[in-house]
Protein backbone atom coordinates (compact mmCIF):
# COMPACT_ATOMS: atom_id res chain seq x y z
CA MET A 1 -56.65 22.56 -17.94
CA ALA A 2 -56.67 22.34 -14.41
CA THR A 3 -53.14 24.43 -14.63
CA SER A 4 -55.46 26.96 -17.39
CA ASN A 5 -58.47 27.10 -14.66
CA SER A 6 -55.54 27.49 -11.39
CA GLU A 7 -54.23 30.05 -13.44
CA GLU A 8 -56.81 32.38 -13.79
CA LEU A 9 -58.18 31.03 -10.30
CA GLN A 10 -55.06 33.01 -9.29
CA GLN A 11 -55.12 36.21 -12.11
CA ARG A 12 -58.33 36.77 -10.21
CA ARG A 13 -57.48 36.35 -6.40
CA ALA A 14 -54.33 39.06 -8.24
CA ARG A 15 -56.84 41.33 -8.78
CA LEU A 16 -59.10 41.19 -5.94
CA SER A 17 -55.64 41.11 -3.94
CA GLU A 18 -54.56 44.39 -5.90
CA SER A 19 -58.37 45.78 -4.98
CA LEU A 20 -58.24 46.88 -1.14
CA PRO A 21 -55.59 48.65 -0.99
CA GLY A 22 -58.30 51.12 -3.15
CA LEU A 23 -61.29 50.23 -0.60
CA SER A 24 -59.81 50.53 1.46
CA ARG A 25 -58.74 53.41 1.14
CA LYS A 26 -62.43 54.06 0.55
CA LEU A 27 -63.13 53.15 3.41
CA ASP A 28 -60.80 55.39 5.26
CA GLN A 29 -62.50 58.64 3.32
CA THR A 30 -65.41 57.86 4.00
CA TYR A 31 -65.20 57.83 8.18
CA ARG A 32 -63.68 60.88 8.27
CA LEU A 33 -66.58 62.16 6.10
CA SER A 34 -69.33 60.46 8.35
CA SER A 35 -67.10 60.47 11.87
CA ASP A 36 -66.34 64.70 11.39
CA ALA A 37 -70.38 64.81 10.09
CA GLN A 38 -71.75 63.56 13.64
CA ALA A 39 -69.30 65.70 15.19
CA LEU A 40 -70.02 68.82 14.07
CA ASN A 41 -73.47 67.89 15.12
CA ARG A 42 -73.32 66.53 18.48
CA ALA A 43 -71.45 69.67 18.96
CA GLY A 44 -74.09 71.48 17.88
CA VAL A 45 -72.77 72.81 14.67
CA THR A 46 -75.94 71.48 12.33
CA HIS A 47 -74.22 72.38 8.28
CA HIS A 48 -75.43 68.04 8.02
CA PRO A 49 -79.34 67.27 8.23
CA PRO A 50 -80.20 64.14 9.21
CA GLN A 51 -80.20 62.29 5.79
CA GLU A 52 -76.83 63.62 4.99
CA ILE A 53 -75.44 61.97 7.81
CA ALA A 54 -77.51 59.48 7.09
CA ARG A 55 -76.15 58.53 2.94
CA LEU A 56 -72.74 59.13 4.67
CA THR A 57 -72.34 56.13 7.41
CA GLU A 58 -74.64 54.51 5.04
CA ASP A 59 -71.08 55.08 1.78
CA GLU A 60 -70.15 54.37 5.37
CA ASP A 61 -71.10 50.90 5.78
CA GLY A 62 -71.11 50.01 1.70
CA ALA A 63 -67.34 50.75 1.50
CA ASN A 64 -66.96 48.29 5.44
CA ALA A 65 -69.33 45.94 3.12
CA ALA A 66 -66.97 46.05 0.05
CA ILE A 67 -64.29 45.37 1.60
CA ARG A 68 -65.52 41.86 3.87
CA ASP A 69 -66.55 40.51 -0.04
CA VAL A 70 -63.59 40.88 -1.25
CA GLN A 71 -61.78 39.44 1.42
CA ARG A 72 -64.13 36.38 1.81
CA GLU A 73 -64.26 35.77 -2.55
CA ILE A 74 -59.82 36.46 -1.89
CA ARG A 75 -60.45 33.35 1.17
CA SER A 76 -63.49 31.23 -1.20
CA LEU A 77 -60.85 31.90 -4.23
CA ASP A 78 -57.82 30.42 -1.25
CA ALA A 79 -59.61 27.58 -0.27
CA GLU A 80 -60.37 26.06 -4.11
CA ILE A 81 -56.20 26.68 -6.12
CA LYS A 82 -55.36 24.65 -3.33
CA SER A 83 -57.72 22.22 -4.17
CA ALA A 84 -57.08 22.20 -7.26
CA PRO A 85 -54.48 20.05 -9.04
CA GLY A 86 -51.51 21.75 -9.56
CA GLY A 87 -52.53 24.22 -7.31
CA GLY A 88 -51.59 23.72 -4.06
CA PRO A 89 -48.11 24.55 -2.78
CA ALA A 90 -47.80 21.18 -2.03
CA THR A 91 -48.29 20.07 -5.92
CA LYS A 92 -45.77 23.04 -6.79
CA LEU A 93 -43.00 21.29 -4.27
CA GLY A 94 -43.77 17.70 -5.65
CA ARG A 95 -43.56 18.40 -8.99
CA ALA A 96 -40.37 20.19 -7.93
CA LEU A 97 -38.74 17.97 -6.34
CA ARG A 98 -39.41 15.10 -9.56
CA ARG A 99 -37.58 18.08 -11.77
CA VAL A 100 -34.46 18.04 -9.59
CA ARG A 101 -34.98 13.94 -10.00
CA ALA A 102 -35.83 13.11 -13.37
CA GLY A 103 -32.17 16.31 -13.76
CA ARG A 104 -34.31 19.01 -15.28
């Protein structure tokens, strides 16, 4: 049962890790849009109304927060995996050494 829980935690961590590149692309895109709109406004080109600038900034902040949330959850899962029976690297190493000693 403990191994199953550890495997579930590792699978969840893997899914979260796989989501990071997509979240990073979204952050890059929202950053570019927000920065471009702000630069155009500073240059006197007023194609972007203030509410659109605010929305673009909020989108960028949201993308940044999503990445931080996923990173925080990954760290939390890492700690949980490490403390779970059968989950930490030392436990896996010990299990492997016991197999070698047993002649498996």
